[in-house]
Amino acid sequence: MFETVIEDVPERVVADELGLSQQAVHRLKIRALKRLQLHLQIAYELTQFTNKSI
């Protein structure tokens, strides 16, 4: 997924390299990005909570 997001390699190319369909790579990429978004949101909220309690 790194290649499709960071290096802007087309999903089709990554799919061919991994032996998957383009749709499978797309679903995996979306799932990974949603997880990253959730983790970043939690980290942000924790820093906001920590900064307020100091």
PDB file of N, CA and C in Angstrom:
ATOM      1  N   MET A   1       0.812  -1.190   0.000  1.00  0.00           N
ATOM      2  CA  MET A   1       0.000   0.000   0.000  1.00  0.00           C
ATOM      3  C   MET A   1       0.860   1.260   0.000  1.00  0.00           C
ATOM      4  N   PHE A   2       2.054   1.144   0.555  1.00  0.00           N
ATOM      5  CA  PHE A   2       2.977   2.279   0.579  1.00  0.00           C
ATOM      6  C   PHE A   2       3.185   2.830  -0.826  1.00  0.00           C
ATOM      7  N   GLU A   3       3.368   1.912  -1.783  1.00  0.00           N
ATOM      8  CA  GLU A   3       3.640   2.352  -3.149  1.00  0.00           C
ATOM      9  C   GLU A   3       2.476   3.143  -3.737  1.00  0.00           C
ATOM     10  N   THR A   4       1.248   2.724  -3.472  1.00  0.00           N
ATOM     11  CA  THR A   4       0.110   3.410  -4.075  1.00  0.00           C
ATOM     12  C   THR A   4      -0.146   4.763  -3.437  1.00  0.00           C
ATOM     13  N   VAL A   5       0.148   4.882  -2.153  1.00  0.00           N
ATOM     14  CA  VAL A   5      -0.144   6.128  -1.448  1.00  0.00           C
ATOM     15  C   VAL A   5       1.029   7.104  -1.516  1.00  0.00           C
ATOM     16  N   ILE A   6       2.218   6.647  -1.175  1.00  0.00           N
ATOM     17  CA  ILE A   6       3.369   7.532  -1.058  1.00  0.00           C
ATOM     18  C   ILE A   6       4.070   7.739  -2.400  1.00  0.00           C
ATOM     19  N   GLU A   7       4.271   6.663  -3.128  1.00  0.00           N
ATOM     20  CA  GLU A   7       5.025   6.753  -4.377  1.00  0.00           C
ATOM     21  C   GLU A   7       4.126   6.913  -5.599  1.00  0.00           C
ATOM     22  N   ASP A   8       2.814   6.949  -5.399  1.00  0.00           N
ATOM     23  CA  ASP A   8       1.835   7.169  -6.463  1.00  0.00           C
ATOM     24  C   ASP A   8       1.911   6.126  -7.582  1.00  0.00           C
ATOM     25  N   VAL A   9       2.231   4.872  -7.194  1.00  0.00           N
ATOM     26  CA  VAL A   9       2.225   3.771  -8.151  1.00  0.00           C
ATOM     27  C   VAL A   9       0.763   3.343  -8.334  1.00  0.00           C
ATOM     28  N   PRO A  10       0.315   3.154  -9.560  1.00  0.00           N
ATOM     29  CA  PRO A  10      -1.079   2.764  -9.784  1.00  0.00           C
ATOM     30  C   PRO A  10      -1.430   1.443  -9.088  1.00  0.00           C
ATOM     31  N   GLU A  11      -2.647   1.373  -8.605  1.00  0.00           N
ATOM     32  CA  GLU A  11      -3.121   0.167  -7.928  1.00  0.00           C
ATOM     33  C   GLU A  11      -2.960  -1.067  -8.819  1.00  0.00           C
ATOM     34  N   ARG A  12      -3.188  -0.904 -10.105  1.00  0.00           N
ATOM     35  CA  ARG A  12      -3.082  -2.016 -11.057  1.00  0.00           C
ATOM     36  C   ARG A  12      -1.678  -2.611 -11.053  1.00  0.00           C
ATOM     37  N   VAL A  13      -0.654  -1.768 -10.994  1.00  0.00           N
ATOM     38  CA  VAL A  13       0.739  -2.229 -10.988  1.00  0.00           C
ATOM     39  C   VAL A  13       1.025  -3.015  -9.707  1.00  0.00           C
ATOM     40  N   VAL A  14       0.600  -2.479  -8.571  1.00  0.00           N
ATOM     41  CA  VAL A  14       0.802  -3.162  -7.296  1.00  0.00           C
ATOM     42  C   VAL A  14       0.038  -4.483  -7.289  1.00  0.00           C
ATOM     43  N   ALA A  15      -1.164  -4.466  -7.813  1.00  0.00           N
ATOM     44  CA  ALA A  15      -1.966  -5.688  -7.878  1.00  0.00           C
ATOM     45  C   ALA A  15      -1.257  -6.773  -8.679  1.00  0.00           C
ATOM     46  N   ASP A  16      -0.698  -6.399  -9.810  1.00  0.00           N
ATOM     47  CA  ASP A  16       0.033  -7.363 -10.638  1.00  0.00           C
ATOM     48  C   ASP A  16       1.247  -7.916  -9.897  1.00  0.00           C
ATOM     49  N   GLU A  17       1.959  -7.054  -9.179  1.00  0.00           N
ATOM     50  CA  GLU A  17       3.140  -7.484  -8.422  1.00  0.00           C
ATOM     51  C   GLU A  17       2.769  -8.469  -7.320  1.00  0.00           C
ATOM     52  N   LEU A  18       1.603  -8.267  -6.699  1.00  0.00           N
ATOM     53  CA  LEU A  18       1.178  -9.101  -5.574  1.00  0.00           C
ATOM     54  C   LEU A  18       0.302 -10.279  -5.990  1.00  0.00           C
ATOM     55  N   GLY A  19      -0.094 -10.303  -7.241  1.00  0.00           N
ATOM     56  CA  GLY A  19      -0.971 -11.373  -7.702  1.00  0.00           C
ATOM     57  C   GLY A  19      -2.396 -11.210  -7.201  1.00  0.00           C
ATOM     58  N   LEU A  20      -2.819  -9.972  -7.032  1.00  0.00           N
ATOM     59  CA  LEU A  20      -4.165  -9.662  -6.560  1.00  0.00           C
ATOM     60  C   LEU A  20      -4.907  -8.879  -7.638  1.00  0.00           C
ATOM     61  N   SER A  21      -6.214  -8.730  -7.430  1.00  0.00           N
ATOM     62  CA  SER A  21      -6.979  -7.881  -8.333  1.00  0.00           C
ATOM     63  C   SER A  21      -6.785  -6.426  -7.929  1.00  0.00           C
ATOM     64  N   GLN A  22      -7.042  -5.524  -8.866  1.00  0.00           N
ATOM     65  CA  GLN A  22      -6.943  -4.095  -8.561  1.00  0.00           C
ATOM     66  C   GLN A  22      -7.948  -3.724  -7.477  1.00  0.00           C
ATOM     67  N   GLN A  23      -9.122  -4.347  -7.518  1.00  0.00           N
ATOM     68  CA  GLN A  23     -10.151  -4.058  -6.514  1.00  0.00           C
ATOM     69  C   GLN A  23      -9.694  -4.481  -5.119  1.00  0.00           C
ATOM     70  N   ALA A  24      -8.994  -5.607  -5.021  1.00  0.00           N
ATOM     71  CA  ALA A  24      -8.495  -6.067  -3.720  1.00  0.00           C
ATOM     72  C   ALA A  24      -7.453  -5.088  -3.171  1.00  0.00           C
ATOM     73  N   VAL A  25      -6.570  -4.610  -4.022  1.00  0.00           N
ATOM     74  CA  VAL A  25      -5.560  -3.642  -3.599  1.00  0.00           C
ATOM     75  C   VAL A  25      -6.246  -2.351  -3.156  1.00  0.00           C
ATOM     76  N   HIS A  26      -7.255  -1.932  -3.879  1.00  0.00           N
ATOM     77  CA  HIS A  26      -7.981  -0.713  -3.516  1.00  0.00           C
ATOM     78  C   HIS A  26      -8.630  -0.867  -2.139  1.00  0.00           C
ATOM     79  N   ARG A  27      -9.293  -1.995  -1.913  1.00  0.00           N
ATOM     80  CA  ARG A  27      -9.937  -2.226  -0.606  1.00  0.00           C
ATOM     81  C   ARG A  27      -8.911  -2.239   0.522  1.00  0.00           C
ATOM     82  N   LEU A  28      -7.773  -2.891   0.294  1.00  0.00           N
ATOM     83  CA  LEU A  28      -6.721  -2.934   1.312  1.00  0.00           C
ATOM     84  C   LEU A  28      -6.172  -1.541   1.592  1.00  0.00           C
ATOM     85  N   LYS A  29      -5.999  -0.758   0.535  1.00  0.00           N
ATOM     86  CA  LYS A  29      -5.486   0.606   0.702  1.00  0.00           C
ATOM     87  C   LYS A  29      -6.463   1.454   1.506  1.00  0.00           C
ATOM     88  N   ILE A  30      -7.733   1.372   1.173  1.00  0.00           N
ATOM     89  CA  ILE A  30      -8.751   2.152   1.899  1.00  0.00           C
ATOM     90  C   ILE A  30      -8.801   1.728   3.362  1.00  0.00           C
ATOM     91  N   ARG A  31      -8.741   0.429   3.611  1.00  0.00           N
ATOM     92  CA  ARG A  31      -8.759  -0.068   4.995  1.00  0.00           C
ATOM     93  C   ARG A  31      -7.541   0.449   5.767  1.00  0.00           C
ATOM     94  N   ALA A  32      -6.373   0.394   5.139  1.00  0.00           N
ATOM     95  CA  ALA A  32      -5.152   0.872   5.801  1.00  0.00           C
ATOM     96  C   ALA A  32      -5.222   2.370   6.087  1.00  0.00           C
ATOM     97  N   LEU A  33      -5.729   3.144   5.140  1.00  0.00           N
ATOM     98  CA  LEU A  33      -5.840   4.585   5.348  1.00  0.00           C
ATOM     99  C   LEU A  33      -6.842   4.918   6.447  1.00  0.00           C
ATOM    100  N   LYS A  34      -7.929   4.172   6.529  1.00  0.00           N
ATOM    101  CA  LYS A  34      -8.910   4.404   7.604  1.00  0.00           C
ATOM    102  C   LYS A  34      -8.304   4.091   8.963  1.00  0.00           C
ATOM    103  N   ARG A  35      -7.521   3.011   9.033  1.00  0.00           N
ATOM    104  CA  ARG A  35      -6.860   2.674  10.299  1.00  0.00           C
ATOM    105  C   ARG A  35      -5.853   3.745  10.684  1.00  0.00           C
ATOM    106  N   LEU A  36      -5.090   4.213   9.716  1.00  0.00           N
ATOM    107  CA  LEU A  36      -4.122   5.278   9.988  1.00  0.00           C
ATOM    108  C   LEU A  36      -4.836   6.530  10.482  1.00  0.00           C
ATOM    109  N   GLN A  37      -5.933   6.879   9.842  1.00  0.00           N
ATOM    110  CA  GLN A  37      -6.703   8.050  10.247  1.00  0.00           C
ATOM    111  C   GLN A  37      -7.186   7.898  11.688  1.00  0.00           C
ATOM    112  N   LEU A  38      -7.676   6.726  12.043  1.00  0.00           N
ATOM    113  CA  LEU A  38      -8.150   6.479  13.404  1.00  0.00           C
ATOM    114  C   LEU A  38      -7.004   6.625  14.407  1.00  0.00           C
ATOM    115  N   HIS A  39      -5.859   6.029  14.109  1.00  0.00           N
ATOM    116  CA  HIS A  39      -4.717   6.115  15.019  1.00  0.00           C
ATOM    117  C   HIS A  39      -4.223   7.553  15.168  1.00  0.00           C
ATOM    118  N   LEU A  40      -4.209   8.287  14.083  1.00  0.00           N
ATOM    119  CA  LEU A  40      -3.784   9.694  14.160  1.00  0.00           C
ATOM    120  C   LEU A  40      -4.779  10.522  14.968  1.00  0.00           C
ATOM    121  N   GLN A  41      -6.059  10.238  14.794  1.00  0.00           N
ATOM    122  CA  GLN A  41      -7.075  10.957  15.551  1.00  0.00           C
ATOM    123  C   GLN A  41      -6.935  10.672  17.044  1.00  0.00           C
ATOM    124  N   ILE A  42      -6.719   9.416  17.403  1.00  0.00           N
ATOM    125  CA  ILE A  42      -6.544   9.047  18.807  1.00  0.00           C
ATOM    126  C   ILE A  42      -5.298   9.721  19.375  1.00  0.00           C
ATOM    127  N   ALA A  43      -4.198   9.689  18.619  1.00  0.00           N
ATOM    128  CA  ALA A  43      -2.963  10.315  19.086  1.00  0.00           C
ATOM    129  C   ALA A  43      -3.159  11.814  19.289  1.00  0.00           C
ATOM    130  N   TYR A  44      -3.860  12.456  18.364  1.00  0.00           N
ATOM    131  CA  TYR A  44      -4.130  13.889  18.487  1.00  0.00           C
ATOM    132  C   TYR A  44      -4.966  14.172  19.736  1.00  0.00           C
ATOM    133  N   GLU A  45      -6.003  13.387  19.935  1.00  0.00           N
ATOM    134  CA  GLU A  45      -6.866  13.601  21.095  1.00  0.00           C
ATOM    135  C   GLU A  45      -6.106  13.370  22.398  1.00  0.00           C
ATOM    136  N   LEU A  46      -5.226  12.390  22.409  1.00  0.00           N
ATOM    137  CA  LEU A  46      -4.429  12.152  23.614  1.00  0.00           C
ATOM    138  C   LEU A  46      -3.500  13.321  23.902  1.00  0.00           C
ATOM    139  N   THR A  47      -2.917  13.894  22.862  1.00  0.00           N
ATOM    140  CA  THR A  47      -2.037  15.040  23.102  1.00  0.00           C
ATOM    141  C   THR A  47      -2.837  16.242  23.587  1.00  0.00           C
ATOM    142  N   GLN A  48      -4.045  16.414  23.076  1.00  0.00           N
ATOM    143  CA  GLN A  48      -4.880  17.509  23.535  1.00  0.00           C
ATOM    144  C   GLN A  48      -5.275  17.322  24.990  1.00  0.00           C
ATOM    145  N   PHE A  49      -5.614  16.094  25.360  1.00  0.00           N
ATOM    146  CA  PHE A  49      -5.977  15.787  26.749  1.00  0.00           C
ATOM    147  C   PHE A  49      -4.784  15.985  27.671  1.00  0.00           C
ATOM    148  N   THR A  50      -3.613  15.515  27.243  1.00  0.00           N
ATOM    149  CA  THR A  50      -2.412  15.622  28.046  1.00  0.00           C
ATOM    150  C   THR A  50      -2.014  17.092  28.223  1.00  0.00           C
ATOM    151  N   ASN A  51      -2.108  17.883  27.191  1.00  0.00           N
ATOM    152  CA  ASN A  51      -1.740  19.298  27.274  1.00  0.00           C
ATOM    153  C   ASN A  51      -2.685  20.081  28.177  1.00  0.00           C
ATOM    154  N   LYS A  52      -3.944  19.697  28.224  1.00  0.00           N
ATOM    155  CA  LYS A  52      -4.909  20.401  29.061  1.00  0.00           C
ATOM    156  C   LYS A  52      -4.720  20.078  30.538  1.00  0.00           C
ATOM    157  N   SER A  53      -4.215  18.886  30.823  1.00  0.00           N
ATOM    158  CA  SER A  53      -4.107  18.471  32.218  1.00  0.00           C
ATOM    159  C   SER A  53      -2.791  18.906  32.863  1.00  0.00           C
ATOM    160  N   ILE A  54      -1.918  19.538  32.101  1.00  0.00           N
ATOM    161  CA  ILE A  54      -0.630  19.982  32.673  1.00  0.00           C
ATOM    162  C   ILE A  54      -0.784  21.324  33.341  1.00  0.00           C
TER     163      ILE A  54
END
